[in-house]
Amino acid sequence: MLIGLLQGIAVFYYWTWFIWPFVFVYSLVHAITSLVKDDKASTRPTLVASISLFIILAGLTAPNFD
């Protein structure tokens, strides 16, 4: 079941591969700068960075499941 989910995410990644590296880098930099600047940093950029990294890694490892 989870392998099928990863393959579905991989198909989504194959169609939108050009977006996810930029989303990951932008949200990671935003999370780090908000953590350094503010005492109360938001967790939203961290969650976006982790989800985009998950989508990138699912797209890279899904061809190995065949």
PDB file of N, CA and C in Angstrom:
ATOM      1  N   MET A   1       0.819  -1.192   0.000  1.00  0.00           N
ATOM      2  CA  MET A   1       0.000   0.000   0.000  1.00  0.00           C
ATOM      3  C   MET A   1       0.864   1.258   0.000  1.00  0.00           C
ATOM      4  N   LEU A   2       1.871   1.300   0.849  1.00  0.00           N
ATOM      5  CA  LEU A   2       2.717   2.487   0.898  1.00  0.00           C
ATOM      6  C   LEU A   2       3.610   2.611  -0.333  1.00  0.00           C
ATOM      7  N   ILE A   3       3.996   1.474  -0.908  1.00  0.00           N
ATOM      8  CA  ILE A   3       4.799   1.529  -2.129  1.00  0.00           C
ATOM      9  C   ILE A   3       3.957   2.097  -3.268  1.00  0.00           C
ATOM     10  N   GLY A   4       2.687   1.744  -3.308  1.00  0.00           N
ATOM     11  CA  GLY A   4       1.793   2.324  -4.314  1.00  0.00           C
ATOM     12  C   GLY A   4       1.630   3.824  -4.113  1.00  0.00           C
ATOM     13  N   LEU A   5       1.576   4.254  -2.861  1.00  0.00           N
ATOM     14  CA  LEU A   5       1.490   5.685  -2.570  1.00  0.00           C
ATOM     15  C   LEU A   5       2.766   6.399  -3.024  1.00  0.00           C
ATOM     16  N   LEU A   6       3.909   5.792  -2.761  1.00  0.00           N
ATOM     17  CA  LEU A   6       5.165   6.393  -3.212  1.00  0.00           C
ATOM     18  C   LEU A   6       5.242   6.464  -4.737  1.00  0.00           C
ATOM     19  N   GLN A   7       4.733   5.445  -5.406  1.00  0.00           N
ATOM     20  CA  GLN A   7       4.734   5.484  -6.865  1.00  0.00           C
ATOM     21  C   GLN A   7       3.786   6.553  -7.397  1.00  0.00           C
ATOM     22  N   GLY A   8       2.669   6.761  -6.725  1.00  0.00           N
ATOM     23  CA  GLY A   8       1.763   7.843  -7.123  1.00  0.00           C
ATOM     24  C   GLY A   8       2.394   9.209  -6.926  1.00  0.00           C
ATOM     25  N   ILE A   9       3.092   9.378  -5.818  1.00  0.00           N
ATOM     26  CA  ILE A   9       3.803  10.638  -5.574  1.00  0.00           C
ATOM     27  C   ILE A   9       4.922  10.813  -6.595  1.00  0.00           C
ATOM     28  N   ALA A  10       5.554   9.721  -6.988  1.00  0.00           N
ATOM     29  CA  ALA A  10       6.625   9.793  -7.985  1.00  0.00           C
ATOM     30  C   ALA A  10       6.086  10.244  -9.338  1.00  0.00           C
ATOM     31  N   VAL A  11       4.915   9.770  -9.727  1.00  0.00           N
ATOM     32  CA  VAL A  11       4.308  10.222 -10.984  1.00  0.00           C
ATOM     33  C   VAL A  11       3.997  11.707 -10.909  1.00  0.00           C
ATOM     34  N   PHE A  12       3.492  12.146  -9.771  1.00  0.00           N
ATOM     35  CA  PHE A  12       3.248  13.577  -9.565  1.00  0.00           C
ATOM     36  C   PHE A  12       4.554  14.359  -9.658  1.00  0.00           C
ATOM     37  N   TYR A  13       5.634  13.799  -9.101  1.00  0.00           N
ATOM     38  CA  TYR A  13       6.940  14.460  -9.161  1.00  0.00           C
ATOM     39  C   TYR A  13       7.463  14.516 -10.590  1.00  0.00           C
ATOM     40  N   TYR A  14       7.261  13.469 -11.369  1.00  0.00           N
ATOM     41  CA  TYR A  14       7.756  13.457 -12.745  1.00  0.00           C
ATOM     42  C   TYR A  14       7.136  14.554 -13.584  1.00  0.00           C
ATOM     43  N   TRP A  15       5.889  14.901 -13.306  1.00  0.00           N
ATOM     44  CA  TRP A  15       5.221  15.952 -14.052  1.00  0.00           C
ATOM     45  C   TRP A  15       5.557  17.353 -13.546  1.00  0.00           C
ATOM     46  N   THR A  16       6.012  17.452 -12.290  1.00  0.00           N
ATOM     47  CA  THR A  16       6.287  18.771 -11.715  1.00  0.00           C
ATOM     48  C   THR A  16       7.707  18.858 -11.143  1.00  0.00           C
ATOM     49  N   TRP A  17       8.660  18.187 -11.750  1.00  0.00           N
ATOM     50  CA  TRP A  17      10.011  18.095 -11.197  1.00  0.00           C
ATOM     51  C   TRP A  17      10.708  19.445 -11.134  1.00  0.00           C
ATOM     52  N   PHE A  18      10.379  20.354 -12.003  1.00  0.00           N
ATOM     53  CA  PHE A  18      11.076  21.630 -12.072  1.00  0.00           C
ATOM     54  C   PHE A  18      10.665  22.579 -10.945  1.00  0.00           C
ATOM     55  N   ILE A  19       9.590  22.312 -10.247  1.00  0.00           N
ATOM     56  CA  ILE A  19       9.111  23.196  -9.185  1.00  0.00           C
ATOM     57  C   ILE A  19       9.736  22.853  -7.832  1.00  0.00           C
ATOM     58  N   TRP A  20       9.891  21.571  -7.518  1.00  0.00           N
ATOM     59  CA  TRP A  20      10.206  21.135  -6.169  1.00  0.00           C
ATOM     60  C   TRP A  20      11.570  21.536  -5.645  1.00  0.00           C
ATOM     61  N   PRO A  21      12.633  21.569  -6.443  1.00  0.00           N
ATOM     62  CA  PRO A  21      13.906  22.070  -5.874  1.00  0.00           C
ATOM     63  C   PRO A  21      13.828  23.520  -5.421  1.00  0.00           C
ATOM     64  N   PHE A  22      13.133  24.346  -6.178  1.00  0.00           N
ATOM     65  CA  PHE A  22      12.992  25.746  -5.793  1.00  0.00           C
ATOM     66  C   PHE A  22      12.138  25.904  -4.538  1.00  0.00           C
ATOM     67  N   VAL A  23      11.070  25.121  -4.441  1.00  0.00           N
ATOM     68  CA  VAL A  23      10.215  25.162  -3.253  1.00  0.00           C
ATOM     69  C   VAL A  23      11.003  24.720  -2.030  1.00  0.00           C
ATOM     70  N   PHE A  24      11.796  23.670  -2.181  1.00  0.00           N
ATOM     71  CA  PHE A  24      12.580  23.159  -1.058  1.00  0.00           C
ATOM     72  C   PHE A  24      13.610  24.188  -0.580  1.00  0.00           C
ATOM     73  N   VAL A  25      14.370  24.739  -1.488  1.00  0.00           N
ATOM     74  CA  VAL A  25      15.420  25.691  -1.103  1.00  0.00           C
ATOM     75  C   VAL A  25      14.816  26.956  -0.518  1.00  0.00           C
ATOM     76  N   TYR A  26      13.773  27.492  -1.142  1.00  0.00           N
ATOM     77  CA  TYR A  26      13.161  28.725  -0.646  1.00  0.00           C
ATOM     78  C   TYR A  26      12.590  28.531   0.758  1.00  0.00           C
ATOM     79  N   SER A  27      11.870  27.435   0.959  1.00  0.00           N
ATOM     80  CA  SER A  27      11.257  27.229   2.271  1.00  0.00           C
ATOM     81  C   SER A  27      12.295  26.900   3.336  1.00  0.00           C
ATOM     82  N   LEU A  28      13.357  26.201   2.974  1.00  0.00           N
ATOM     83  CA  LEU A  28      14.405  25.908   3.950  1.00  0.00           C
ATOM     84  C   LEU A  28      15.149  27.177   4.358  1.00  0.00           C
ATOM     85  N   VAL A  29      15.463  28.024   3.409  1.00  0.00           N
ATOM     86  CA  VAL A  29      16.131  29.292   3.728  1.00  0.00           C
ATOM     87  C   VAL A  29      15.215  30.181   4.556  1.00  0.00           C
ATOM     88  N   HIS A  30      13.937  30.200   4.212  1.00  0.00           N
ATOM     89  CA  HIS A  30      12.982  31.005   4.982  1.00  0.00           C
ATOM     90  C   HIS A  30      12.854  30.490   6.413  1.00  0.00           C
ATOM     91  N   ALA A  31      12.853  29.178   6.584  1.00  0.00           N
ATOM     92  CA  ALA A  31      12.763  28.604   7.929  1.00  0.00           C
ATOM     93  C   ALA A  31      14.003  28.931   8.753  1.00  0.00           C
ATOM     94  N   ILE A  32      15.171  28.860   8.145  1.00  0.00           N
ATOM     95  CA  ILE A  32      16.403  29.147   8.878  1.00  0.00           C
ATOM     96  C   ILE A  32      16.493  30.623   9.250  1.00  0.00           C
ATOM     97  N   THR A  33      16.146  31.512   8.319  1.00  0.00           N
ATOM     98  CA  THR A  33      16.228  32.940   8.630  1.00  0.00           C
ATOM     99  C   THR A  33      15.178  33.355   9.661  1.00  0.00           C
ATOM    100  N   SER A  34      13.994  32.759   9.611  1.00  0.00           N
ATOM    101  CA  SER A  34      13.001  33.108  10.626  1.00  0.00           C
ATOM    102  C   SER A  34      13.390  32.549  11.992  1.00  0.00           C
ATOM    103  N   LEU A  35      14.102  31.447  12.014  1.00  0.00           N
ATOM    104  CA  LEU A  35      14.565  30.896  13.285  1.00  0.00           C
ATOM    105  C   LEU A  35      15.658  31.767  13.888  1.00  0.00           C
ATOM    106  N   VAL A  36      16.517  32.318  13.054  1.00  0.00           N
ATOM    107  CA  VAL A  36      17.605  33.166  13.540  1.00  0.00           C
ATOM    108  C   VAL A  36      17.070  34.534  13.964  1.00  0.00           C
ATOM    109  N   LYS A  37      16.137  35.100  13.197  1.00  0.00           N
ATOM    110  CA  LYS A  37      15.635  36.448  13.483  1.00  0.00           C
ATOM    111  C   LYS A  37      14.689  36.491  14.668  1.00  0.00           C
ATOM    112  N   ASP A  38      13.693  35.617  14.672  1.00  0.00           N
ATOM    113  CA  ASP A  38      12.608  35.705  15.653  1.00  0.00           C
ATOM    114  C   ASP A  38      12.759  34.651  16.740  1.00  0.00           C
ATOM    115  N   ASP A  39      12.234  35.003  17.908  1.00  0.00           N
ATOM    116  CA  ASP A  39      12.168  34.013  18.970  1.00  0.00           C
ATOM    117  C   ASP A  39      11.032  33.023  18.725  1.00  0.00           C
ATOM    118  N   LYS A  40       9.944  33.516  18.146  1.00  0.00           N
ATOM    119  CA  LYS A  40       8.812  32.652  17.815  1.00  0.00           C
ATOM    120  C   LYS A  40       8.811  32.387  16.312  1.00  0.00           C
ATOM    121  N   ALA A  41       9.539  31.387  15.905  1.00  0.00           N
ATOM    122  CA  ALA A  41       9.613  31.050  14.492  1.00  0.00           C
ATOM    123  C   ALA A  41       8.420  30.180  14.105  1.00  0.00           C
ATOM    124  N   SER A  42       7.922  30.378  12.902  1.00  0.00           N
ATOM    125  CA  SER A  42       6.802  29.597  12.399  1.00  0.00           C
ATOM    126  C   SER A  42       7.291  28.231  11.923  1.00  0.00           C
ATOM    127  N   THR A  43       6.459  27.229  12.102  1.00  0.00           N
ATOM    128  CA  THR A  43       6.832  25.891  11.660  1.00  0.00           C
ATOM    129  C   THR A  43       6.355  25.605  10.238  1.00  0.00           C
ATOM    130  N   ARG A  44       5.590  26.513   9.655  1.00  0.00           N
ATOM    131  CA  ARG A  44       5.064  26.288   8.304  1.00  0.00           C
ATOM    132  C   ARG A  44       6.173  26.140   7.257  1.00  0.00           C
ATOM    133  N   PRO A  45       7.213  26.994   7.215  1.00  0.00           N
ATOM    134  CA  PRO A  45       8.266  26.776   6.215  1.00  0.00           C
ATOM    135  C   PRO A  45       9.019  25.462   6.415  1.00  0.00           C
ATOM    136  N   THR A  46       9.149  25.046   7.648  1.00  0.00           N
ATOM    137  CA  THR A  46       9.813  23.770   7.915  1.00  0.00           C
ATOM    138  C   THR A  46       8.972  22.609   7.393  1.00  0.00           C
ATOM    139  N   LEU A  47       7.678  22.677   7.580  1.00  0.00           N
ATOM    140  CA  LEU A  47       6.796  21.627   7.061  1.00  0.00           C
ATOM    141  C   LEU A  47       6.785  21.603   5.539  1.00  0.00           C
ATOM    142  N   VAL A  48       6.788  22.764   4.910  1.00  0.00           N
ATOM    143  CA  VAL A  48       6.825  22.825   3.447  1.00  0.00           C
ATOM    144  C   VAL A  48       8.138  22.245   2.927  1.00  0.00           C
ATOM    145  N   ALA A  49       9.248  22.556   3.603  1.00  0.00           N
ATOM    146  CA  ALA A  49      10.537  22.014   3.192  1.00  0.00           C
ATOM    147  C   ALA A  49      10.571  20.502   3.349  1.00  0.00           C
ATOM    148  N   SER A  50      10.011  19.986   4.422  1.00  0.00           N
ATOM    149  CA  SER A  50      10.030  18.542   4.623  1.00  0.00           C
ATOM    150  C   SER A  50       9.128  17.817   3.632  1.00  0.00           C
ATOM    151  N   ILE A  51       7.987  18.384   3.313  1.00  0.00           N
ATOM    152  CA  ILE A  51       7.095  17.758   2.331  1.00  0.00           C
ATOM    153  C   ILE A  51       7.707  17.796   0.934  1.00  0.00           C
ATOM    154  N   SER A  52       8.331  18.900   0.574  1.00  0.00           N
ATOM    155  CA  SER A  52       8.953  18.968  -0.745  1.00  0.00           C
ATOM    156  C   SER A  52      10.155  18.024  -0.838  1.00  0.00           C
ATOM    157  N   LEU A  53      10.903  17.871   0.246  1.00  0.00           N
ATOM    158  CA  LEU A  53      11.998  16.898   0.231  1.00  0.00           C
ATOM    159  C   LEU A  53      11.452  15.478   0.117  1.00  0.00           C
ATOM    160  N   PHE A  54      10.344  15.189   0.780  1.00  0.00           N
ATOM    161  CA  PHE A  54       9.716  13.878   0.662  1.00  0.00           C
ATOM    162  C   PHE A  54       9.284  13.603  -0.771  1.00  0.00           C
ATOM    163  N   ILE A  55       8.706  14.578  -1.430  1.00  0.00           N
ATOM    164  CA  ILE A  55       8.259  14.397  -2.815  1.00  0.00           C
ATOM    165  C   ILE A  55       9.455  14.179  -3.731  1.00  0.00           C
ATOM    166  N   ILE A  56      10.535  14.919  -3.515  1.00  0.00           N
ATOM    167  CA  ILE A  56      11.741  14.740  -4.329  1.00  0.00           C
ATOM    168  C   ILE A  56      12.328  13.344  -4.127  1.00  0.00           C
ATOM    169  N   LEU A  57      12.430  12.903  -2.878  1.00  0.00           N
ATOM    170  CA  LEU A  57      13.008  11.586  -2.613  1.00  0.00           C
ATOM    171  C   LEU A  57      12.101  10.461  -3.077  1.00  0.00           C
ATOM    172  N   ALA A  58      10.800  10.632  -3.004  1.00  0.00           N
ATOM    173  CA  ALA A  58       9.886   9.616  -3.525  1.00  0.00           C
ATOM    174  C   ALA A  58      10.013   9.505  -5.040  1.00  0.00           C
ATOM    175  N   GLY A  59      10.218  10.634  -5.698  1.00  0.00           N
ATOM    176  CA  GLY A  59      10.406  10.603  -7.148  1.00  0.00           C
ATOM    177  C   GLY A  59      11.717   9.967  -7.566  1.00  0.00           C
ATOM    178  N   LEU A  60      12.725  10.086  -6.724  1.00  0.00           N
ATOM    179  CA  LEU A  60      14.022   9.500  -7.065  1.00  0.00           C
ATOM    180  C   LEU A  60      14.100   8.011  -6.757  1.00  0.00           C
ATOM    181  N   THR A  61      13.389   7.543  -5.746  1.00  0.00           N
ATOM    182  CA  THR A  61      13.495   6.144  -5.358  1.00  0.00           C
ATOM    183  C   THR A  61      12.403   5.259  -5.932  1.00  0.00           C
ATOM    184  N   ALA A  62      11.337   5.809  -6.496  1.00  0.00           N
ATOM    185  CA  ALA A  62      10.237   4.999  -7.013  1.00  0.00           C
ATOM    186  C   ALA A  62      10.628   4.089  -8.173  1.00  0.00           C
ATOM    187  N   PRO A  63      11.552   4.467  -9.068  1.00  0.00           N
ATOM    188  CA  PRO A  63      11.906   3.516 -10.124  1.00  0.00           C
ATOM    189  C   PRO A  63      12.572   2.243  -9.605  1.00  0.00           C
ATOM    190  N   ASN A  64      13.077   2.249  -8.388  1.00  0.00           N
ATOM    191  CA  ASN A  64      13.722   1.061  -7.824  1.00  0.00           C
ATOM    192  C   ASN A  64      12.723   0.030  -7.323  1.00  0.00           C
ATOM    193  N   PHE A  65      11.432   0.364  -7.267  1.00  0.00           N
ATOM    194  CA  PHE A  65      10.432  -0.545  -6.745  1.00  0.00           C
ATOM    195  C   PHE A  65       9.905  -1.525  -7.779  1.00  0.00           C
ATOM    196  N   ASP A  66      10.214  -1.339  -9.042  1.00  0.00           N
ATOM    197  CA  ASP A  66       9.678  -2.219 -10.096  1.00  0.00           C
ATOM    198  C   ASP A  66      10.282  -3.591 -10.061  1.00  0.00           C
TER     199      ASP A  66
END
